[in-house]
Amino acid sequence: MIFNGKLVLEDGSSFRGTLIGAKLAKSEMGEVVFNTSMVGYQEILSDPSYCDQIICMTYPLIGNYGVSEEFFESRDLFCKGLIIKDLCTHPSHFSNENTLNSLLVQKDLCGLCNVDTRALTKTLREHGTIKGLIVSSEVETSKVVEKLKNTNLLEQVSKVSKKEEEFFENSSASKHVVLVDFGYKGNILKNLKEKYKVTVVPFNSSFEKIKSLNPDGVCLSNGPGDPMDLQGTINMINTLQDHFPIFGICLGHQLLSLANGAKTEKMLYGHRGGNHPVKDVETGKVYMSSQNHGFIVTKDSLEKAGLDTWFINVNDKSVEGVKVRGKKAISVQFHPEHRPGPRDTNFLFEEFEKLMESN
């Protein structure tokens, strides 16, 4: 086994591996995170919420079913690298069109295989999410650490959001939904397009612009980064919720909560995977959910903000969903759309439709 590369972390630790994907010249630093999903590596790589992050897959066998055009969540890969244990170079699946390594090369993404991902994950769990860079094994670690400490990762949403609005017709639909794009996953748009006419607008769209589109409801998408960086958007949502039904997903959930006066905080290592149990506190029913976030809405800030807890995480009791008192506004921290993860929380789109019907 040839170890010709390594992942260097900001704390000075490093993890050896074999370089895969694009040439090292394309390697960029990112926030190193881990994902516990057993499948869905293509959807994870193409999820804009991973912008400026290096993804470590905890499941050891990656690439086994190849890559298919059907399963992209966005057309570009906004993450900064992929860390895995075993790379499959001869995938087998009826929908396979390409290998994972070929996809990395095509998208100019650098990665490492043959890495002790168990040790890396334990490091991230103990010490928290940290910046890292994939380099050649000969590079001096101390020089990389200095570079990592002097670089900040900012403005991720502006990197992934559409610059212009885009309209999707549905001749059989009577309702029109505006999707505010903070880095939406393709399957959120797919779910909305099946039932409604949809207009996708950039993240920094004004209230006046959204109002002029005359929507029946507004969906706030997922996206990367710290929600507190989007102060202008938070103010816009505060006004928006007085006029239209709102459904927030992931980052959209955090922004809706902030718009009502709640607080958010950065988690030690986040929730990323397709196997996170969440509980509906109103019914007591537990659902398995797909998640990808590094920030949460703090539970003790909900009461003063006029928010009611809707879902909680079964594992750590963190807030996973809220309802705004006196408003037609709801949000969830997890992903209710198809892929990755099960489909049993897809009913939340129906809850959004009920708000629009009652409006």
Protein backbone atom coordinates (compact mmCIF):
# COMPACT_ATOMS: atom_id res chain seq x y z
CA MET A 1 0.00 0.00 0.00
CA ILE A 2 1.41 3.39 -1.05
CA PHE A 3 0.90 6.35 1.30
CA ASN A 4 1.76 9.33 -0.88
CA GLY A 5 -0.49 11.92 0.74
CA LYS A 6 -1.81 13.08 4.08
CA LEU A 7 -4.52 15.18 5.66
CA VAL A 8 -3.04 17.81 7.95
CA LEU A 9 -5.27 19.34 10.63
CA GLU A 10 -4.95 22.78 12.18
CA ASP A 11 -3.94 21.24 15.54
CA GLY A 12 -0.85 19.68 13.94
CA SER A 13 -2.14 16.10 13.68
CA SER A 14 -1.99 14.32 10.32
CA PHE A 15 -3.47 11.19 8.73
CA ARG A 16 -1.71 9.28 5.98
CA GLY A 17 -3.40 8.01 2.85
CA THR A 18 -3.25 7.45 -0.90
CA LEU A 19 -4.07 10.40 -3.14
CA ILE A 20 -7.14 10.06 -5.38
CA GLY A 21 -9.06 12.36 -7.69
CA ALA A 22 -7.62 15.62 -9.00
CA LYS A 23 -3.98 16.63 -8.83
CA LEU A 24 -2.72 18.17 -5.60
CA ALA A 25 -2.62 21.57 -7.28
CA LYS A 26 -6.42 21.53 -6.92
CA SER A 27 -6.30 20.76 -3.17
CA GLU A 28 -7.92 23.44 -1.03
CA MET A 29 -8.28 23.77 2.70
CA GLY A 30 -11.63 23.15 4.30
CA GLU A 31 -13.43 22.40 7.53
CA VAL A 32 -13.03 18.66 8.17
CA VAL A 33 -16.31 16.91 9.04
CA PHE A 34 -17.49 13.31 9.16
CA ASN A 35 -20.64 11.70 7.74
CA THR A 36 -22.04 8.43 9.11
CA SER A 37 -24.12 7.43 6.06
CA MET A 38 -23.54 3.96 4.63
CA VAL A 39 -24.73 5.03 1.15
CA GLY A 40 -25.35 8.28 -0.68
CA TYR A 41 -21.76 9.42 -1.20
CA GLN A 42 -22.66 11.04 -4.53
CA GLU A 43 -25.55 13.01 -3.01
CA ILE A 44 -23.32 14.03 -0.11
CA LEU A 45 -20.51 15.25 -2.37
CA SER A 46 -22.96 17.27 -4.48
CA ASP A 47 -24.84 18.79 -1.52
CA PRO A 48 -24.06 22.57 -1.50
CA SER A 49 -24.27 22.55 2.31
CA TYR A 50 -20.81 20.97 2.30
CA CYS A 51 -19.29 24.09 0.73
CA ASP A 52 -15.72 24.64 2.02
CA GLN A 53 -15.70 21.32 3.89
CA ILE A 54 -13.55 18.19 3.59
CA ILE A 55 -15.80 15.15 4.09
CA CYS A 56 -14.69 12.02 5.93
CA MET A 57 -16.96 9.03 5.33
CA THR A 58 -17.10 6.76 8.39
CA TYR A 59 -18.43 3.77 6.44
CA PRO A 60 -15.32 2.04 5.04
CA LEU A 61 -16.51 0.88 1.58
CA ILE A 62 -17.07 3.83 -0.75
CA GLY A 63 -17.67 3.86 -4.51
CA ASN A 64 -19.17 0.36 -4.72
CA TYR A 65 -22.19 1.31 -6.84
CA GLY A 66 -20.43 3.98 -8.89
CA VAL A 67 -21.87 7.31 -9.98
CA SER A 68 -25.03 8.15 -11.92
CA GLU A 69 -26.26 11.38 -13.49
CA GLU A 70 -29.60 10.80 -11.76
CA PHE A 71 -28.30 11.23 -8.22
CA PHE A 72 -26.62 14.65 -8.25
CA GLU A 73 -28.06 17.15 -5.74
CA SER A 74 -26.41 20.03 -7.65
CA ARG A 75 -24.38 20.36 -10.82
CA ASP A 76 -21.15 21.30 -9.04
CA LEU A 77 -19.23 19.93 -6.08
CA PHE A 78 -18.68 22.71 -3.55
CA CYS A 79 -16.85 20.62 -0.94
CA LYS A 80 -13.04 20.77 -0.72
CA GLY A 81 -12.09 17.11 -0.46
CA LEU A 82 -13.06 13.52 0.31
CA ILE A 83 -11.47 11.21 2.90
CA ILE A 84 -12.32 7.49 2.79
CA LYS A 85 -11.01 4.10 3.86
CA ASP A 86 -11.47 1.77 0.85
CA LEU A 87 -12.10 3.04 -2.70
CA CYS A 88 -13.92 0.72 -5.09
CA THR A 89 -12.45 1.05 -8.58
CA HIS A 90 -14.80 -1.47 -10.29
CA PRO A 91 -18.33 -0.58 -9.17
CA SER A 92 -21.35 -2.78 -9.86
CA HIS A 93 -24.86 -1.37 -10.18
CA PHE A 94 -27.49 -1.23 -12.94
CA SER A 95 -27.45 2.59 -12.92
CA ASN A 96 -23.66 2.97 -12.78
CA GLU A 97 -22.25 5.38 -15.38
CA ASN A 98 -18.88 6.31 -13.91
CA THR A 99 -16.46 5.58 -11.09
CA LEU A 100 -16.18 7.77 -8.02
CA ASN A 101 -12.53 8.49 -8.74
CA SER A 102 -13.36 9.62 -12.29
CA LEU A 103 -15.99 11.99 -10.86
CA LEU A 104 -13.39 13.51 -8.51
CA VAL A 105 -11.03 14.04 -11.45
CA GLN A 106 -13.76 15.62 -13.60
CA LYS A 107 -14.78 17.98 -10.80
CA ASP A 108 -11.19 18.90 -9.84
CA LEU A 109 -11.66 17.51 -6.33
CA CYS A 110 -8.75 16.01 -4.42
CA GLY A 111 -9.14 13.14 -1.97
CA LEU A 112 -7.45 10.44 0.07
CA CYS A 113 -8.20 6.74 0.41
CA ASN A 114 -6.60 4.10 2.67
CA VAL A 115 -6.99 6.53 5.56
CA ASP A 116 -7.67 5.40 9.12
CA THR A 117 -11.08 7.10 9.07
CA ARG A 118 -11.98 5.60 12.45
CA ALA A 119 -9.06 7.41 14.10
CA LEU A 120 -9.85 10.64 12.24
CA THR A 121 -13.51 10.49 13.29
CA LYS A 122 -12.53 9.91 16.93
CA THR A 123 -10.27 12.96 16.75
CA LEU A 124 -13.09 15.12 15.40
CA ARG A 125 -15.53 13.81 18.04
CA GLU A 126 -13.09 14.57 20.86
CA HIS A 127 -11.67 17.88 19.69
CA GLY A 128 -14.38 19.23 17.38
CA THR A 129 -14.55 20.24 13.74
CA ILE A 130 -11.27 21.73 12.57
CA LYS A 131 -9.68 23.06 9.37
CA GLY A 132 -7.53 20.76 7.26
CA LEU A 133 -5.66 20.41 3.97
CA ILE A 134 -4.73 17.43 1.78
CA VAL A 135 -1.05 17.56 0.81
CA SER A 136 1.77 15.33 -0.42
CA SER A 137 3.33 13.14 2.26
CA GLU A 138 6.64 15.00 1.83
CA VAL A 139 5.23 18.40 2.76
CA GLU A 140 6.28 19.69 6.17
CA THR A 141 3.32 19.59 8.54
CA SER A 142 4.30 22.75 10.44
CA LYS A 143 4.09 24.87 7.28
CA VAL A 144 0.60 23.58 6.53
CA VAL A 145 -0.55 24.28 10.09
CA GLU A 146 0.64 27.88 9.84
CA LYS A 147 -1.30 28.32 6.60
CA LEU A 148 -4.44 26.80 8.13
CA LYS A 149 -4.33 29.08 11.16
CA ASN A 150 -4.04 32.18 8.99
CA THR A 151 -6.99 31.40 6.70
CA ASN A 152 -10.69 31.93 7.41
CA LEU A 153 -13.58 30.32 5.55
CA LEU A 154 -16.29 32.90 4.92
CA GLU A 155 -19.36 33.71 2.79
CA GLN A 156 -20.23 30.16 1.81
CA VAL A 157 -23.86 30.93 0.94
CA SER A 158 -22.85 33.52 -1.65
CA LYS A 159 -20.69 30.85 -3.33
CA VAL A 160 -23.54 28.37 -3.80
CA SER A 161 -26.69 30.48 -4.26
CA LYS A 162 -28.08 31.24 -7.71
CA LYS A 163 -27.33 34.73 -8.99
CA GLU A 164 -30.59 35.08 -10.95
CA GLU A 165 -34.14 33.94 -10.31
CA GLU A 166 -35.46 30.92 -12.19
CA PHE A 167 -39.07 29.91 -12.80
CA PHE A 168 -40.39 26.36 -13.17
CA GLU A 169 -43.85 25.97 -14.68
CA ASN A 170 -46.35 23.32 -13.63
CA SER A 171 -49.49 23.51 -15.77
CA SER A 172 -51.51 21.36 -13.36
CA ALA A 173 -50.61 23.40 -10.27
CA SER A 174 -52.75 26.14 -8.76
CA LYS A 175 -50.21 27.28 -6.18
CA HIS A 176 -46.94 29.13 -6.57
CA VAL A 177 -44.00 28.65 -4.15
CA VAL A 178 -40.87 30.77 -3.89
CA LEU A 179 -37.74 28.81 -2.93
CA VAL A 180 -35.11 31.07 -1.38
CA ASP A 181 -31.79 29.55 -2.42
CA PHE A 182 -29.14 29.34 0.31
CA GLY A 183 -27.69 26.28 -1.43
CA TYR A 184 -30.73 24.07 -2.01
CA LYS A 185 -30.50 20.34 -2.65
CA GLY A 186 -32.00 19.20 -5.94
CA ASN A 187 -34.57 16.97 -4.30
CA ILE A 188 -36.10 19.88 -2.41
CA LEU A 189 -36.81 21.56 -5.72
CA LYS A 190 -37.99 18.25 -7.17
CA ASN A 191 -40.56 17.80 -4.38
CA LEU A 192 -41.85 21.34 -4.82
CA LYS A 193 -42.03 21.13 -8.63
CA GLU A 194 -44.20 18.00 -8.45
CA LYS A 195 -47.02 20.00 -6.83
CA TYR A 196 -46.45 23.70 -7.47
CA LYS A 197 -45.17 26.35 -9.79
CA VAL A 198 -41.80 27.30 -8.34
CA THR A 199 -39.60 30.38 -8.55
CA VAL A 200 -36.08 30.03 -7.18
CA VAL A 201 -34.62 33.34 -5.98
CA PRO A 202 -31.10 34.27 -4.75
CA PHE A 203 -30.44 34.24 -1.00
CA ASN A 204 -30.15 38.04 -0.81
CA SER A 205 -33.52 38.76 -2.43
CA SER A 206 -35.51 41.51 -0.72
CA PHE A 207 -38.96 41.19 0.81
CA GLU A 208 -40.31 43.51 -1.91
CA LYS A 209 -38.91 41.23 -4.61
CA ILE A 210 -40.46 38.09 -3.11
CA LYS A 211 -43.78 39.88 -2.52
CA SER A 212 -43.87 40.99 -6.16
CA LEU A 213 -43.83 37.32 -7.21
CA ASN A 214 -47.14 36.83 -5.37
CA PRO A 215 -46.36 33.41 -3.91
CA ASP A 216 -48.75 31.22 -1.93
CA GLY A 217 -45.86 30.16 0.28
CA VAL A 218 -42.09 30.53 0.73
CA CYS A 219 -39.59 27.73 1.33
CA LEU A 220 -36.26 28.60 2.96
CA SER A 221 -33.67 26.09 1.75
CA ASN A 222 -30.72 24.39 3.35
CA GLY A 223 -27.25 25.84 2.91
CA PRO A 224 -23.74 26.10 4.34
CA GLY A 225 -22.06 28.29 6.94
CA ASP A 226 -22.97 30.22 10.06
CA PRO A 227 -26.57 31.54 9.96
CA MET A 228 -25.51 34.63 11.92
CA ASP A 229 -23.55 35.78 8.87
CA LEU A 230 -26.86 36.47 7.06
CA GLN A 231 -28.18 39.39 9.09
CA GLY A 232 -29.88 41.05 6.11
CA THR A 233 -31.72 37.82 5.31
CA ILE A 234 -32.77 37.35 8.94
CA ASN A 235 -34.42 40.80 8.90
CA MET A 236 -36.10 39.98 5.60
CA ILE A 237 -37.58 36.74 6.98
CA ASN A 238 -38.90 38.62 10.01
CA THR A 239 -41.04 40.70 7.66
CA LEU A 240 -41.80 37.82 5.29
CA GLN A 241 -43.47 35.66 7.95
CA ASP A 242 -46.15 38.32 8.50
CA HIS A 243 -47.32 37.96 4.91
CA PHE A 244 -46.74 34.39 3.66
CA PRO A 245 -46.67 30.80 4.98
CA ILE A 246 -43.05 29.69 5.46
CA PHE A 247 -41.34 26.30 5.53
CA GLY A 248 -37.67 26.29 6.58
CA ILE A 249 -35.28 23.38 6.05
CA CYS A 250 -31.88 23.04 7.78
CA LEU A 251 -30.23 26.48 7.43
CA GLY A 252 -33.71 27.80 6.65
CA HIS A 253 -34.81 26.47 10.05
CA GLN A 254 -31.99 28.31 11.80
CA LEU A 255 -32.71 31.55 9.94
CA LEU A 256 -36.45 31.42 10.72
CA SER A 257 -35.62 30.86 14.40
CA LEU A 258 -33.15 33.76 14.43
CA ALA A 259 -35.71 36.00 12.74
CA ASN A 260 -37.98 35.45 15.74
CA GLY A 261 -35.31 36.19 18.32
CA ALA A 262 -33.94 32.72 19.08
CA LYS A 263 -30.21 32.00 19.26
CA THR A 264 -27.92 29.57 17.47
CA GLU A 265 -24.60 28.03 18.45
CA LYS A 266 -21.91 25.97 16.75
CA MET A 267 -21.87 22.27 17.60
CA LEU A 268 -18.72 20.40 18.54
CA TYR A 269 -18.82 18.16 15.46
CA GLY A 270 -22.34 18.48 14.05
CA HIS A 271 -24.94 16.02 12.79
CA ARG A 272 -24.13 14.52 9.39
CA GLY A 273 -25.62 11.25 8.21
CA GLY A 274 -28.74 9.40 7.15
CA ASN A 275 -29.41 7.69 10.47
CA HIS A 276 -30.39 10.39 13.01
CA PRO A 277 -33.60 9.70 15.00
CA VAL A 278 -35.91 12.67 15.59
CA LYS A 279 -39.04 12.74 17.72
CA ASP A 280 -42.25 14.64 17.01
CA VAL A 281 -43.05 15.98 20.49
CA GLU A 282 -46.73 16.42 19.57
CA THR A 283 -47.34 12.80 18.57
CA GLY A 284 -44.44 10.99 20.25
CA LYS A 285 -43.55 9.32 16.95
CA VAL A 286 -39.88 8.86 16.05
CA TYR A 287 -38.55 9.15 12.51
CA MET A 288 -35.14 8.36 11.05
CA SER A 289 -33.79 11.45 9.32
CA SER A 290 -31.05 12.64 7.01
CA GLN A 291 -29.02 15.51 8.45
CA ASN A 292 -26.13 17.80 7.60
CA HIS A 293 -25.52 20.74 9.90
CA GLY A 294 -22.91 22.19 12.25
CA PHE A 295 -25.12 24.75 14.02
CA ILE A 296 -28.25 24.33 16.16
CA VAL A 297 -30.98 26.53 17.57
CA THR A 298 -30.54 26.65 21.36
CA LYS A 299 -33.43 25.17 23.31
CA ASP A 300 -33.41 27.77 26.10
CA SER A 301 -33.91 30.62 23.61
CA LEU A 302 -37.19 29.31 22.15
CA GLU A 303 -39.65 30.50 24.81
CA LYS A 304 -38.73 34.20 24.65
CA ALA A 305 -38.70 33.98 20.85
CA GLY A 306 -42.30 32.73 20.74
CA LEU A 307 -41.31 29.39 19.24
CA ASP A 308 -42.69 25.97 20.14
CA THR A 309 -40.50 22.88 19.89
CA TRP A 310 -41.81 20.54 17.20
CA PHE A 311 -39.06 17.93 16.88
CA ILE A 312 -36.13 16.98 19.09
CA ASN A 313 -33.10 14.80 18.41
CA VAL A 314 -33.48 11.50 20.28
CA ASN A 315 -29.72 11.15 20.82
CA ASP A 316 -28.73 14.55 22.23
CA LYS A 317 -32.14 16.24 22.78
CA SER A 318 -31.22 19.18 20.53
CA VAL A 319 -33.95 21.14 18.73
CA GLU A 320 -34.88 19.62 15.36
CA GLY A 321 -37.99 21.59 14.46
CA VAL A 322 -40.09 24.56 15.56
CA LYS A 323 -43.45 26.21 14.98
CA VAL A 324 -43.81 30.00 15.23
CA ARG A 325 -46.67 30.99 17.52
CA GLY A 326 -49.31 33.09 15.82
CA LYS A 327 -47.65 32.70 12.40
CA LYS A 328 -48.01 30.27 9.53
CA ALA A 329 -44.34 29.37 9.77
CA ILE A 330 -42.70 25.99 10.49
CA SER A 331 -39.20 24.61 10.11
CA VAL A 332 -37.11 21.47 10.60
CA GLN A 333 -33.38 20.98 11.06
CA PHE A 334 -33.31 17.71 9.10
CA HIS A 335 -34.03 16.96 5.42
CA PRO A 336 -37.59 15.77 4.59
CA GLU A 337 -36.97 15.44 0.85
CA HIS A 338 -36.04 12.21 -0.98
CA ARG A 339 -32.41 11.03 -0.94
CA PRO A 340 -30.25 10.70 0.94
CA GLY A 341 -32.05 9.08 3.83
CA PRO A 342 -35.49 7.48 4.16
CA ARG A 343 -38.71 9.04 2.87
CA ASP A 344 -40.79 8.82 6.02
CA THR A 345 -40.56 12.55 6.80
CA ASN A 346 -41.71 13.57 3.33
CA PHE A 347 -45.12 14.31 4.88
CA LEU A 348 -43.69 17.62 6.11
CA PHE A 349 -44.23 19.06 2.64
CA GLU A 350 -47.92 18.27 3.19
CA GLU A 351 -47.79 20.28 6.43
CA PHE A 352 -46.46 23.20 4.39
CA GLU A 353 -49.36 22.77 1.95
CA LYS A 354 -51.87 22.84 4.82
CA LEU A 355 -50.46 26.23 5.85
CA MET A 356 -50.93 27.52 2.33
CA GLU A 357 -54.48 26.12 2.17
CA SER A 358 -55.42 27.79 5.44
CA ASN A 359 -53.99 31.08 4.23
